[in-house]
Protein backbone atom coordinates (compact mmCIF):
# COMPACT_ATOMS: atom_id res chain seq x y z
CA MET A 1 0.37 0.08 0.44
CA VAL A 2 2.52 2.46 1.42
CA SER A 3 6.25 2.33 -0.18
CA GLU A 4 9.00 2.17 2.18
CA ASP A 5 10.79 5.21 0.67
CA ASP A 6 7.31 7.48 1.58
CA ARG A 7 6.51 5.71 5.54
CA SER A 8 10.58 7.21 5.42
CA LEU A 9 9.94 10.40 4.02
CA ILE A 10 6.29 10.42 6.05
CA HIS A 11 8.34 9.96 9.29
CA ARG A 12 10.65 11.72 8.25
CA SER A 13 8.75 14.86 7.96
CA VAL A 14 6.34 14.57 10.86
CA GLU A 15 9.25 13.85 13.61
CA SER A 16 10.61 17.01 11.83
CA GLU A 17 11.78 19.77 14.76
CA ARG A 18 9.91 22.06 12.01
CA MET A 19 7.13 20.22 11.45
CA GLU A 20 3.73 20.61 13.63
CA LEU A 21 0.95 19.05 12.97
CA ASP A 22 -1.40 21.59 14.53
CA HIS A 23 -0.35 24.41 12.17
CA PHE A 24 -0.14 22.06 9.74
CA VAL A 25 -4.11 21.12 9.65
CA ARG A 26 -4.97 25.24 10.28
CA LEU A 27 -3.13 25.84 6.88
CA PHE A 28 -5.41 22.44 5.08
CA TYR A 29 -7.98 24.02 6.18
CA ALA A 30 -7.75 27.41 5.00
CA LYS A 31 -6.22 25.86 1.93
CA PHE A 32 -9.31 23.76 1.07
CA PHE A 33 -11.71 26.36 2.22
CA GLU A 34 -9.96 29.31 0.06
CA ILE A 35 -10.05 26.04 -2.99
CA CYS A 36 -13.30 25.25 -2.47
CA PRO A 37 -15.18 28.12 -0.82
CA ASP A 38 -18.85 26.56 -1.38
CA VAL A 39 -18.21 23.93 1.16
CA ARG A 40 -16.80 26.25 4.37
CA ALA A 41 -20.84 26.20 5.18
CA VAL A 42 -21.27 22.45 5.24
CA PHE A 43 -18.80 22.91 8.89
CA PRO A 44 -19.00 24.91 11.90
CA ASP A 45 -17.69 28.93 12.85
CA ASP A 46 -15.55 27.55 15.78
CA MET A 47 -12.96 24.45 14.35
CA ALA A 48 -11.40 23.71 16.88
CA GLY A 49 -13.24 20.76 17.12
CA GLN A 50 -12.86 20.02 13.49
CA HIS A 51 -9.09 20.83 13.16
CA GLU A 52 -8.80 17.99 16.77
CA LYS A 53 -10.88 14.86 14.49
CA LEU A 54 -8.03 16.08 11.94
CA LEU A 55 -4.90 15.65 13.54
CA THR A 56 -6.24 12.54 15.36
CA SER A 57 -6.65 11.44 12.26
CA LEU A 58 -3.99 12.33 10.42
CA THR A 59 -1.46 11.31 14.02
CA HIS A 60 -3.23 7.67 13.53
CA ILE A 61 -2.88 6.63 10.27
CA ILE A 62 1.04 7.95 10.87
CA GLU A 63 1.42 5.15 13.60
CA ALA A 64 -0.10 3.41 10.94
CA LEU A 65 1.70 3.30 8.36
CA ASP A 66 3.96 0.90 9.68
CA HIS A 67 1.28 -2.12 9.92
CA PRO A 68 -0.63 -1.88 6.88
CA GLU A 69 -3.36 -3.90 8.44
CA LYS A 70 -4.02 -1.42 10.66
CA LEU A 71 -3.80 1.15 8.36
CA SER A 72 -5.90 -0.27 6.04
CA ALA A 73 -8.88 -0.72 9.17
CA ILE A 74 -8.09 3.21 10.08
CA LEU A 75 -8.85 4.16 5.88
CA LYS A 76 -11.71 1.88 5.80
CA HIS A 77 -13.30 3.33 8.64
């Protein structure tokens, strides 16, 4: 599913001192709403809960990269 090189790159990126997942999540939604402004109305005004959900999902996915069966289950869910 995910190559060893890709897993390594993801782990190095996340573990980098420059990577702040909280900041990444905020930028992700800002860019998402910039590109797709029509979907903004589907999301709550206070995005804190949505940010937490995405952060939690990303964390679980990153942790499961080395376990394909676990990653597959997470992605299906």
